[in-house]
Protein backbone atom coordinates (compact mmCIF):
# COMPACT_ATOMS: atom_id res chain seq x y z
CA MET A 1 -70.09 -205.00 -45.77
CA GLY A 2 -70.59 -204.18 -49.43
CA GLY A 3 -73.60 -202.16 -50.49
CA THR A 4 -74.91 -198.66 -51.07
CA TYR A 5 -75.25 -196.40 -48.05
CA THR A 6 -76.43 -192.87 -47.36
CA ALA A 7 -74.05 -190.85 -45.21
CA THR A 8 -75.60 -187.87 -43.47
CA LEU A 9 -73.72 -185.04 -41.76
CA ILE A 10 -75.66 -182.59 -39.62
CA VAL A 11 -73.79 -179.57 -38.27
CA THR A 12 -75.22 -177.39 -35.52
CA GLY A 13 -73.72 -173.93 -35.10
CA ASN A 14 -73.23 -171.99 -31.86
CA SER A 15 -76.41 -170.01 -32.52
CA GLY A 16 -78.47 -173.21 -32.94
CA GLY A 17 -78.74 -173.15 -36.72
CA THR A 18 -78.17 -176.43 -38.56
CA ASP A 19 -77.05 -177.54 -41.97
CA THR A 20 -77.32 -181.03 -43.40
CA ILE A 21 -75.57 -182.77 -46.29
CA GLN A 22 -76.03 -186.30 -47.61
CA HIS A 23 -73.90 -188.37 -49.94
CA ILE A 24 -74.50 -191.80 -51.41
CA ILE A 25 -71.51 -194.05 -50.72
CA THR A 26 -70.95 -197.34 -52.52
CA VAL A 27 -68.86 -199.93 -50.70
CA TYR A 28 -67.72 -202.74 -52.97
CA PRO A 29 -67.38 -206.25 -51.55
CA LYS A 30 -63.91 -207.61 -50.91
CA PRO A 31 -63.01 -210.90 -52.58
CA THR A 32 -61.84 -213.81 -50.45
CA ALA A 33 -58.60 -215.32 -51.76
CA ASN A 34 -58.22 -219.09 -51.40
CA PHE A 35 -56.66 -221.98 -53.29
CA SER A 36 -55.74 -225.63 -53.07
CA ALA A 37 -52.65 -227.54 -54.14
CA ILE A 38 -51.57 -231.14 -53.63
CA SER A 39 -48.17 -231.87 -52.12
CA VAL A 40 -45.79 -233.43 -54.63
CA CYS A 41 -42.17 -234.49 -55.02
CA ILE A 42 -39.31 -232.52 -56.55
CA ASN A 43 -39.69 -232.07 -60.34
CA ASP A 44 -43.36 -233.10 -60.30
CA VAL A 45 -45.92 -230.61 -61.57
CA THR A 46 -47.94 -228.93 -58.81
CA ASN A 47 -51.40 -227.84 -59.98
CA PHE A 48 -52.83 -224.84 -58.14
CA THR A 49 -56.63 -224.48 -58.12
CA ASP A 50 -58.09 -221.04 -57.44
CA LEU A 51 -60.95 -221.26 -54.91
CA SER A 52 -61.37 -217.51 -54.47
CA ALA A 53 -64.86 -216.05 -54.23
CA ILE A 54 -66.67 -212.72 -54.26
CA PRO A 55 -70.36 -212.16 -53.39
CA LEU A 56 -70.97 -209.53 -56.10
CA GLY A 57 -68.96 -208.75 -59.21
CA SER A 58 -66.08 -210.85 -60.43
CA ILE A 59 -62.42 -211.56 -59.84
CA VAL A 60 -60.40 -210.24 -62.76
CA SER A 61 -56.77 -210.80 -61.82
CA TRP A 62 -54.61 -213.28 -59.95
CA TYR A 63 -51.03 -212.90 -58.78
CA TRP A 64 -49.23 -215.98 -57.50
CA ASN A 65 -45.84 -216.03 -55.79
CA PHE A 66 -44.58 -219.61 -55.42
CA ASP A 67 -41.94 -218.68 -52.78
CA ASP A 68 -39.07 -219.89 -54.96
CA GLY A 69 -38.53 -216.82 -57.16
CA ASN A 70 -41.29 -217.72 -59.64
CA THR A 71 -44.68 -216.05 -60.17
CA SER A 72 -47.78 -216.41 -62.36
CA ASN A 73 -50.82 -214.36 -63.38
CA LEU A 74 -52.94 -217.34 -64.47
CA GLN A 75 -56.10 -218.25 -62.58
CA ASN A 76 -55.12 -221.92 -62.19
CA PRO A 77 -51.37 -222.21 -62.78
CA SER A 78 -49.07 -225.21 -62.71
CA HIS A 79 -45.58 -225.01 -61.24
CA THR A 80 -42.62 -227.37 -60.87
CA TYR A 81 -40.45 -227.10 -57.76
CA ILE A 82 -36.81 -228.16 -58.04
CA TYR A 83 -36.15 -228.18 -54.27
CA SER A 84 -37.90 -229.93 -51.42
CA GLY A 85 -39.33 -228.12 -48.41
CA MET A 86 -42.31 -226.07 -47.28
CA PHE A 87 -43.14 -223.20 -49.63
CA ASN A 88 -45.35 -220.34 -48.41
CA VAL A 89 -47.35 -219.68 -51.58
CA MET A 90 -49.06 -216.29 -51.87
CA LEU A 91 -52.16 -215.52 -53.94
CA ILE A 92 -53.49 -211.98 -54.43
CA VAL A 93 -56.86 -211.65 -56.17
CA THR A 94 -58.36 -208.40 -57.47
CA SER A 95 -62.04 -207.74 -58.18
CA ASP A 96 -63.53 -205.82 -61.10
CA GLN A 97 -63.88 -202.86 -58.69
CA GLY A 98 -60.20 -202.97 -57.65
CA CYS A 99 -60.74 -204.58 -54.23
CA LYS A 100 -58.01 -207.05 -53.21
CA ASP A 101 -57.39 -209.92 -50.83
CA THR A 102 -54.27 -211.95 -50.09
CA VAL A 103 -53.80 -215.46 -48.73
CA PHE A 104 -50.66 -217.45 -47.85
CA ILE A 105 -50.86 -221.26 -47.83
CA GLY A 106 -48.00 -223.67 -47.23
CA VAL A 107 -47.28 -226.25 -49.93
CA ARG A 108 -44.96 -229.14 -49.08
CA VAL A 109 -42.61 -230.49 -51.73
CA HIS A 110 -41.11 -233.84 -50.80
CA ALA A 111 -37.65 -235.10 -51.70
CA ASN A 112 -37.65 -237.93 -54.23
CA PRO A 113 -37.18 -241.39 -52.71
CA ILE A 114 -33.79 -243.04 -53.05
CA VAL A 115 -33.95 -246.61 -54.32
CA ASP A 116 -31.37 -249.16 -53.17
CA PHE A 117 -31.31 -252.88 -52.56
CA THR A 118 -28.97 -255.83 -52.37
CA ALA A 119 -29.44 -259.47 -53.29
CA ASP A 120 -27.68 -262.45 -51.78
CA PRO A 121 -27.07 -264.63 -53.64
CA ARG A 122 -26.99 -262.68 -56.87
CA GLU A 123 -27.62 -265.72 -59.03
CA GLY A 124 -29.22 -269.12 -58.68
CA CYS A 125 -31.73 -271.63 -60.04
CA GLU A 126 -35.45 -270.95 -60.25
CA PRO A 127 -37.56 -272.54 -57.53
């Protein structure tokens, strides 16, 4: 857990003598990477919303890998997929102290519907 701690080392020698040393250690909190995205169809824009959090400090960088050869460094990027399927999107967030977290979330991209119909008869009088 993040915070400031005192680490104490006490050494006792064979003759019974002791020596002590203390150091202050600062442990920075780790961010929690998270995001949301709505499933879309091929060639529709997918909007990614960063939901990452950190209890102290701030998140200063984002690295997105959309699992199709494309990446982004924006906090809330948009991306257009040209193929359907399940894409395992990765987000890495980095805090102002250099602490990192990674999350993978699946985003489904649907194939576009195929429209087709027939009419019989193809002409006639209005009712």
